[in-house]
Each structure stands twice: as C-alpha cells, then as structure tokens.
Amino acid sequence: MSAPRARSSAEAHMFMALHPCGACGDEKFTKAVRMIVDGDALITRYTGPCRTCHAGRDFRFRIDDEFADAETAGGGRTPPLTAGEPEFGRAEASEIIDAGQWLQCADRIIAATPAAILGVSEDEWRRRRYMFKAAAESVGEVLKFIPAGSDDVPPDSFWTDDGRDVRDRGPDRFRRDKLEHLRLACLDLAARFAG
C-alpha cells in the first residue's frame, strides 16, 4: 500500500491527531521521524510509542515540498507555504482529511484555546495567536472543497465517518457564507494576540 500524500508536514501532523491510538484513544505519541525511499517516492515515516499505553504508532506520508518556490511547487499557480505559520496546503483541497474533519479540527482548537488577553504570558500570547490562526486555516481548508460557483461543500467531500458525523450534526455550517464568517471570527481572535 502506498503512503498517502500530505501537502505539508502540518497536514500530516493534523492527520495523526485525528487518528488516535486504537488501544487507548490518546492522540499523542513520541515521534521519531525518518525519511525512507520507496521506489521513486520519498516517504516521511513517523513512529513511536503512545504517550499513555505505549502501543506502537506508525504513520507514513509522501509530503510535498511545502517551502519550494512557486515555480517549482505549483508551476506558478500558488505560492509556497510560509515557515512558522499554521498552513496546511496550497490551493487544492486535502486528499487525506475530509471537509468535516477540518471543521472538527477548528472546533477543537477554538474550544481548547482561551480568548482572554489579560494576565497572559508572552509565550502563551504567541501560542494563542498561532492556535486561532490554525483554526482559521482549518476553516479555510473546508472552503477549498467548495467548487467555483457553488455555495455548499459537496457530499463527496465527506469520506470518513467522523467527517459525515460533523456534517450531519450541522449541515448548514458547510455553507460558504457561514464558513467565511467563522474564518473571519478566528482571524479576529488571532489578531487580539498579534505582536
């Protein structure tokens, strides 16, 4: 079986967070990263024990050259990703995380990140900015599934049980206007913690 294509290492990490340990449900594990060659493909392999039960975890991805210049990366179509910013991919939609899972990611980040600005250390200030920006980018990933000239995420953009569950609990959340509003709200929260 070939390794799935991730558009960036950030997308690969989000995928791993969405696939917790099958034995105990913890999403975190101590990662050892190795590059391996499989035919003509360069594969990034993440392995290590689960943080809680120590069960072995193993993920493999073909990861795009996310920081290459635009001419190399997308034939001039899209710019390279920016190092240090929470970006998951360029112009095309994900092949490994469906639309419902991306919105679930945004929901989890928003729920876990306090919005209060008073009494916050400088390090925590930066972390919150990054997390709210990551939530905005997660919503932006959902928007990539909407075809030009349409206002809704199409049904074939939900290929996992988790993604379909998120859609079924709030199908109206997958309309372009609602997604754009949520993305702007996340960017506003990130701006509270800007420099």
C-alpha atoms as a PDB file:
ATOM      1  CA  MET A   1       0.000   0.000   0.000  1.00  0.00           C
ATOM      2  CA  SER A   2       1.419   3.381  -0.982  1.00  0.00           C
ATOM      3  CA  ALA A   3       1.774   6.195   1.541  1.00  0.00           C
ATOM      4  CA  PRO A   4      -0.933   8.901   1.335  1.00  0.00           C
ATOM      5  CA  ARG A   5       0.038  12.332   0.000  1.00  0.00           C
ATOM      6  CA  ALA A   6       0.174  15.158   2.545  1.00  0.00           C
ATOM      7  CA  ARG A   7       0.512  18.690   1.191  1.00  0.00           C
ATOM      8  CA  SER A   8       2.667  19.704   4.172  1.00  0.00           C
ATOM      9  CA  SER A   9       4.134  18.353   7.397  1.00  0.00           C
ATOM     10  CA  ALA A  10       1.463  20.388   9.252  1.00  0.00           C
ATOM     11  CA  GLU A  11      -1.249  18.467   7.389  1.00  0.00           C
ATOM     12  CA  ALA A  12       0.481  15.171   8.218  1.00  0.00           C
ATOM     13  CA  HIS A  13       0.510  16.140  11.922  1.00  0.00           C
ATOM     14  CA  MET A  14      -3.172  17.118  11.803  1.00  0.00           C
ATOM     15  CA  PHE A  15      -3.968  13.741  10.219  1.00  0.00           C
ATOM     16  CA  MET A  16      -2.117  11.947  13.031  1.00  0.00           C
ATOM     17  CA  ALA A  17      -4.032  13.986  15.651  1.00  0.00           C
ATOM     18  CA  LEU A  18      -7.287  12.882  14.016  1.00  0.00           C
ATOM     19  CA  HIS A  19      -6.274   9.220  14.285  1.00  0.00           C
ATOM     20  CA  PRO A  20      -5.709   8.495  17.989  1.00  0.00           C
ATOM     21  CA  CYS A  21      -4.265   5.312  19.431  1.00  0.00           C
ATOM     22  CA  GLY A  22      -6.527   2.356  18.720  1.00  0.00           C
ATOM     23  CA  ALA A  23      -5.780   0.852  22.139  1.00  0.00           C
ATOM     24  CA  CYS A  24      -6.436   3.807  24.456  1.00  0.00           C
ATOM     25  CA  GLY A  25      -7.608   6.777  22.378  1.00  0.00           C
ATOM     26  CA  ASP A  26      -4.703   9.131  23.146  1.00  0.00           C
ATOM     27  CA  GLU A  27      -3.752  11.163  20.071  1.00  0.00           C
ATOM     28  CA  LYS A  28      -0.209  11.988  21.225  1.00  0.00           C
ATOM     29  CA  PHE A  29       2.858   9.837  20.853  1.00  0.00           C
ATOM     30  CA  THR A  30       6.619  10.322  20.996  1.00  0.00           C
ATOM     31  CA  LYS A  31       7.521  10.689  17.334  1.00  0.00           C
ATOM     32  CA  ALA A  32      10.724   9.546  15.699  1.00  0.00           C
ATOM     33  CA  VAL A  33      10.904  10.846  12.129  1.00  0.00           C
ATOM     34  CA  ARG A  34      12.745   9.040   9.354  1.00  0.00           C
ATOM     35  CA  MET A  35      12.937   9.602   5.634  1.00  0.00           C
ATOM     36  CA  ILE A  36      12.789   6.421   3.550  1.00  0.00           C
ATOM     37  CA  VAL A  37      12.886   5.832  -0.199  1.00  0.00           C
ATOM     38  CA  ASP A  38      10.099   3.739  -1.717  1.00  0.00           C
ATOM     39  CA  GLY A  39      10.760   3.374  -5.437  1.00  0.00           C
ATOM     40  CA  ASP A  40      10.818   6.935  -6.769  1.00  0.00           C
ATOM     41  CA  ALA A  41       8.988   8.379  -3.748  1.00  0.00           C
ATOM     42  CA  LEU A  42      10.495   9.909  -0.638  1.00  0.00           C
ATOM     43  CA  ILE A  43       8.411   8.858   2.361  1.00  0.00           C
ATOM     44  CA  THR A  44       8.327  10.556   5.758  1.00  0.00           C
ATOM     45  CA  ARG A  45       7.706   7.981   8.478  1.00  0.00           C
ATOM     46  CA  TYR A  46       6.561   8.898  11.998  1.00  0.00           C
ATOM     47  CA  THR A  47       6.879   6.087  14.540  1.00  0.00           C
ATOM     48  CA  GLY A  48       6.871   5.819  18.301  1.00  0.00           C
ATOM     49  CA  PRO A  49       5.041   4.687  21.419  1.00  0.00           C
ATOM     50  CA  CYS A  50       1.681   6.077  22.515  1.00  0.00           C
ATOM     51  CA  ARG A  51       2.067   8.547  25.372  1.00  0.00           C
ATOM     52  CA  THR A  52      -0.461   6.687  27.553  1.00  0.00           C
ATOM     53  CA  CYS A  53      -0.393   2.961  26.812  1.00  0.00           C
ATOM     54  CA  HIS A  54       2.913   2.748  24.903  1.00  0.00           C
ATOM     55  CA  ALA A  55       1.338   0.915  21.957  1.00  0.00           C
ATOM     56  CA  GLY A  56       3.368   1.340  18.774  1.00  0.00           C
ATOM     57  CA  ARG A  57       2.211   4.032  16.322  1.00  0.00           C
ATOM     58  CA  ASP A  58       3.318   4.172  12.670  1.00  0.00           C
ATOM     59  CA  PHE A  59       2.338   6.741  10.010  1.00  0.00           C
ATOM     60  CA  ARG A  60       3.853   7.225   6.548  1.00  0.00           C
ATOM     61  CA  PHE A  61       3.288  10.109   4.142  1.00  0.00           C
ATOM     62  CA  ARG A  62       4.517  11.413   0.818  1.00  0.00           C
ATOM     63  CA  ILE A  63       4.908  15.074   1.808  1.00  0.00           C
ATOM     64  CA  ASP A  64       5.037  17.819  -0.819  1.00  0.00           C
ATOM     65  CA  ASP A  65       7.993  20.186  -0.902  1.00  0.00           C
ATOM     66  CA  GLU A  66       5.981  22.743   1.036  1.00  0.00           C
ATOM     67  CA  PHE A  67       8.529  25.567   1.082  1.00  0.00           C
ATOM     68  CA  ALA A  68       9.657  25.338  -2.553  1.00  0.00           C
ATOM     69  CA  ASP A  69       9.338  28.455  -4.673  1.00  0.00           C
ATOM     70  CA  ALA A  70       6.116  28.922  -6.636  1.00  0.00           C
ATOM     71  CA  GLU A  71       7.654  27.952  -9.988  1.00  0.00           C
ATOM     72  CA  THR A  72       8.864  24.636  -8.612  1.00  0.00           C
ATOM     73  CA  ALA A  73       5.937  23.887  -6.309  1.00  0.00           C
ATOM     74  CA  GLY A  74       2.899  24.671  -8.399  1.00  0.00           C
ATOM     75  CA  GLY A  75       4.004  25.754 -11.822  1.00  0.00           C
ATOM     76  CA  GLY A  76       3.428  29.361 -10.781  1.00  0.00           C
ATOM     77  CA  ARG A  77      -0.158  28.675  -9.613  1.00  0.00           C
ATOM     78  CA  THR A  78       0.276  29.070  -5.911  1.00  0.00           C
ATOM     79  CA  PRO A  79       2.913  30.467  -3.558  1.00  0.00           C
ATOM     80  CA  PRO A  80       4.990  28.305  -1.241  1.00  0.00           C
ATOM     81  CA  LEU A  81       3.892  27.920   2.345  1.00  0.00           C
ATOM     82  CA  THR A  82       5.332  30.286   4.946  1.00  0.00           C
ATOM     83  CA  ALA A  83       7.628  28.705   7.531  1.00  0.00           C
ATOM     84  CA  GLY A  84       6.355  29.253  11.087  1.00  0.00           C
ATOM     85  CA  GLU A  85       2.742  29.875  10.074  1.00  0.00           C
ATOM     86  CA  PRO A  86      -0.083  27.338  10.509  1.00  0.00           C
ATOM     87  CA  GLU A  87      -0.676  26.469   6.853  1.00  0.00           C
ATOM     88  CA  PHE A  88      -1.781  23.033   5.728  1.00  0.00           C
ATOM     89  CA  GLY A  89      -1.701  23.151   1.952  1.00  0.00           C
ATOM     90  CA  ARG A  90      -1.814  25.278  -1.118  1.00  0.00           C
ATOM     91  CA  ALA A  91      -4.811  25.888  -3.404  1.00  0.00           C
ATOM     92  CA  GLU A  92      -6.166  22.353  -3.766  1.00  0.00           C
ATOM     93  CA  ALA A  93      -8.272  20.530  -1.177  1.00  0.00           C
ATOM     94  CA  SER A  94      -6.817  17.818   1.037  1.00  0.00           C
ATOM     95  CA  GLU A  95      -6.700  14.206  -0.090  1.00  0.00           C
ATOM     96  CA  ILE A  96      -6.307  12.784   3.429  1.00  0.00           C
ATOM     97  CA  ILE A  97      -8.539  14.936   5.683  1.00  0.00           C
ATOM     98  CA  ASP A  98     -12.148  15.468   4.641  1.00  0.00           C
ATOM     99  CA  ALA A  99     -14.237  18.639   4.967  1.00  0.00           C
ATOM    100  CA  GLY A 100     -15.997  17.524   8.154  1.00  0.00           C
ATOM    101  CA  GLN A 101     -12.733  16.588   9.832  1.00  0.00           C
ATOM    102  CA  TRP A 102     -11.257  20.026   9.026  1.00  0.00           C
ATOM    103  CA  LEU A 103     -14.223  21.751  10.670  1.00  0.00           C
ATOM    104  CA  GLN A 104     -13.872  19.380  13.625  1.00  0.00           C
ATOM    105  CA  CYS A 105     -10.213  20.484  13.901  1.00  0.00           C
ATOM    106  CA  ALA A 106     -11.263  24.145  14.012  1.00  0.00           C
ATOM    107  CA  ASP A 107     -13.934  23.395  16.627  1.00  0.00           C
ATOM    108  CA  ARG A 108     -11.424  21.558  18.833  1.00  0.00           C
ATOM    109  CA  ILE A 109      -8.863  24.360  18.607  1.00  0.00           C
ATOM    110  CA  ILE A 110     -11.436  27.050  19.431  1.00  0.00           C
ATOM    111  CA  ALA A 111     -12.798  25.065  22.376  1.00  0.00           C
ATOM    112  CA  ALA A 112      -9.317  24.439  23.808  1.00  0.00           C
ATOM    113  CA  THR A 113      -7.851  27.945  23.368  1.00  0.00           C
ATOM    114  CA  PRO A 114      -8.878  30.672  25.849  1.00  0.00           C
ATOM    115  CA  ALA A 115      -9.650  34.061  24.277  1.00  0.00           C
ATOM    116  CA  ALA A 116      -8.841  36.168  27.385  1.00  0.00           C
ATOM    117  CA  ILE A 117      -5.982  38.595  26.802  1.00  0.00           C
ATOM    118  CA  LEU A 118      -5.335  39.818  30.346  1.00  0.00           C
ATOM    119  CA  GLY A 119      -2.695  38.174  32.529  1.00  0.00           C
ATOM    120  CA  VAL A 120      -1.271  36.108  29.687  1.00  0.00           C
ATOM    121  CA  SER A 121       2.485  35.489  29.399  1.00  0.00           C
ATOM    122  CA  GLU A 122       4.310  36.404  26.192  1.00  0.00           C
ATOM    123  CA  ASP A 123       4.809  32.731  25.273  1.00  0.00           C
ATOM    124  CA  GLU A 124       1.139  31.958  25.866  1.00  0.00           C
ATOM    125  CA  TRP A 125       0.232  35.082  23.898  1.00  0.00           C
ATOM    126  CA  ARG A 126       2.152  33.716  20.852  1.00  0.00           C
ATOM    127  CA  ARG A 127       0.705  30.225  21.299  1.00  0.00           C
ATOM    128  CA  ARG A 128      -2.878  31.531  21.325  1.00  0.00           C
ATOM    129  CA  ARG A 129      -2.271  33.631  18.220  1.00  0.00           C
ATOM    130  CA  TYR A 130      -0.886  30.568  16.456  1.00  0.00           C
ATOM    131  CA  MET A 131      -3.796  28.348  17.564  1.00  0.00           C
ATOM    132  CA  PHE A 132      -6.514  30.796  16.478  1.00  0.00           C
ATOM    133  CA  LYS A 133      -4.711  31.221  13.153  1.00  0.00           C
ATOM    134  CA  ALA A 134      -4.614  27.415  12.850  1.00  0.00           C
ATOM    135  CA  ALA A 135      -8.372  27.328  13.459  1.00  0.00           C
ATOM    136  CA  ALA A 136      -8.872  29.940  10.711  1.00  0.00           C
ATOM    137  CA  GLU A 137      -6.686  27.925   8.338  1.00  0.00           C
ATOM    138  CA  SER A 138      -8.646  24.750   9.183  1.00  0.00           C
ATOM    139  CA  VAL A 139     -11.863  26.528   8.180  1.00  0.00           C
ATOM    140  CA  GLY A 140     -10.057  27.754   5.060  1.00  0.00           C
ATOM    141  CA  GLU A 141      -9.347  24.105   4.228  1.00  0.00           C
ATOM    142  CA  VAL A 142     -13.098  23.376   4.312  1.00  0.00           C
ATOM    143  CA  LEU A 143     -13.683  26.248   1.873  1.00  0.00           C
ATOM    144  CA  LYS A 144     -11.287  24.621  -0.617  1.00  0.00           C
ATOM    145  CA  PHE A 145     -13.804  21.794  -1.086  1.00  0.00           C
ATOM    146  CA  ILE A 146     -16.493  24.176  -2.419  1.00  0.00           C
ATOM    147  CA  PRO A 147     -16.419  24.280  -6.226  1.00  0.00           C
ATOM    148  CA  ALA A 148     -16.377  27.635  -8.013  1.00  0.00           C
ATOM    149  CA  GLY A 149     -19.901  28.957  -8.482  1.00  0.00           C
ATOM    150  CA  SER A 150     -21.306  26.894  -5.597  1.00  0.00           C
ATOM    151  CA  ASP A 151     -22.227  27.814  -2.036  1.00  0.00           C
ATOM    152  CA  ASP A 152     -22.075  24.410  -0.346  1.00  0.00           C
ATOM    153  CA  VAL A 153     -19.493  21.721   0.346  1.00  0.00           C
ATOM    154  CA  PRO A 154     -20.489  18.790  -1.913  1.00  0.00           C
ATOM    155  CA  PRO A 155     -21.418  15.398  -0.388  1.00  0.00           C
ATOM    156  CA  ASP A 156     -18.355  13.602  -1.804  1.00  0.00           C
ATOM    157  CA  SER A 157     -16.140  15.857   0.354  1.00  0.00           C
ATOM    158  CA  PHE A 158     -17.098  13.767   3.413  1.00  0.00           C
ATOM    159  CA  TRP A 159     -15.481  10.323   3.121  1.00  0.00           C
ATOM    160  CA  THR A 160     -14.877   9.470   6.796  1.00  0.00           C
ATOM    161  CA  ASP A 161     -17.387   8.516   9.474  1.00  0.00           C
ATOM    162  CA  ASP A 162     -16.144  11.399  11.662  1.00  0.00           C
ATOM    163  CA  GLY A 163     -16.490  13.899   8.829  1.00  0.00           C
ATOM    164  CA  ARG A 164     -20.005  12.758   7.961  1.00  0.00           C
ATOM    165  CA  ASP A 165     -20.967  12.905  11.640  1.00  0.00           C
ATOM    166  CA  VAL A 166     -19.843  16.555  11.871  1.00  0.00           C
ATOM    167  CA  ARG A 167     -21.832  17.353   8.699  1.00  0.00           C
ATOM    168  CA  ASP A 168     -24.936  15.514   9.917  1.00  0.00           C
ATOM    169  CA  ARG A 169     -24.916  17.405  13.234  1.00  0.00           C
ATOM    170  CA  GLY A 170     -24.800  20.784  11.468  1.00  0.00           C
ATOM    171  CA  PRO A 171     -25.208  20.648   7.683  1.00  0.00           C
ATOM    172  CA  ASP A 172     -25.833  24.402   7.457  1.00  0.00           C
ATOM    173  CA  ARG A 173     -22.307  25.010   8.846  1.00  0.00           C
ATOM    174  CA  PHE A 174     -20.915  23.855   5.484  1.00  0.00           C
ATOM    175  CA  ARG A 175     -22.305  26.806   3.527  1.00  0.00           C
ATOM    176  CA  ARG A 176     -19.754  29.246   2.101  1.00  0.00           C
ATOM    177  CA  ASP A 177     -21.153  32.282   3.967  1.00  0.00           C
ATOM    178  CA  LYS A 178     -21.110  30.525   7.360  1.00  0.00           C
ATOM    179  CA  LEU A 179     -17.591  29.198   6.806  1.00  0.00           C
ATOM    180  CA  GLU A 180     -16.283  32.602   5.734  1.00  0.00           C
ATOM    181  CA  HIS A 181     -17.871  34.188   8.818  1.00  0.00           C
ATOM    182  CA  LEU A 182     -16.267  31.584  11.119  1.00  0.00           C
ATOM    183  CA  ARG A 183     -12.873  32.017   9.442  1.00  0.00           C
ATOM    184  CA  LEU A 184     -13.024  35.784   9.931  1.00  0.00           C
ATOM    185  CA  ALA A 185     -14.007  35.315  13.586  1.00  0.00           C
ATOM    186  CA  CYS A 186     -10.958  33.069  14.101  1.00  0.00           C
ATOM    187  CA  LEU A 187      -8.705  35.625  12.392  1.00  0.00           C
ATOM    188  CA  ASP A 188     -10.154  38.340  14.654  1.00  0.00           C
ATOM    189  CA  LEU A 189      -9.282  36.222  17.689  1.00  0.00           C
ATOM    190  CA  ALA A 190      -5.757  35.691  16.324  1.00  0.00           C
ATOM    191  CA  ALA A 191      -5.426  39.458  15.808  1.00  0.00           C
ATOM    192  CA  ARG A 192      -6.108  40.010  19.532  1.00  0.00           C
ATOM    193  CA  PHE A 193      -2.793  38.301  20.171  1.00  0.00           C
ATOM    194  CA  ALA A 194      -0.793  39.909  17.346  1.00  0.00           C
ATOM    195  CA  GLY A 195       2.586  41.383  18.219  1.00  0.00           C
END
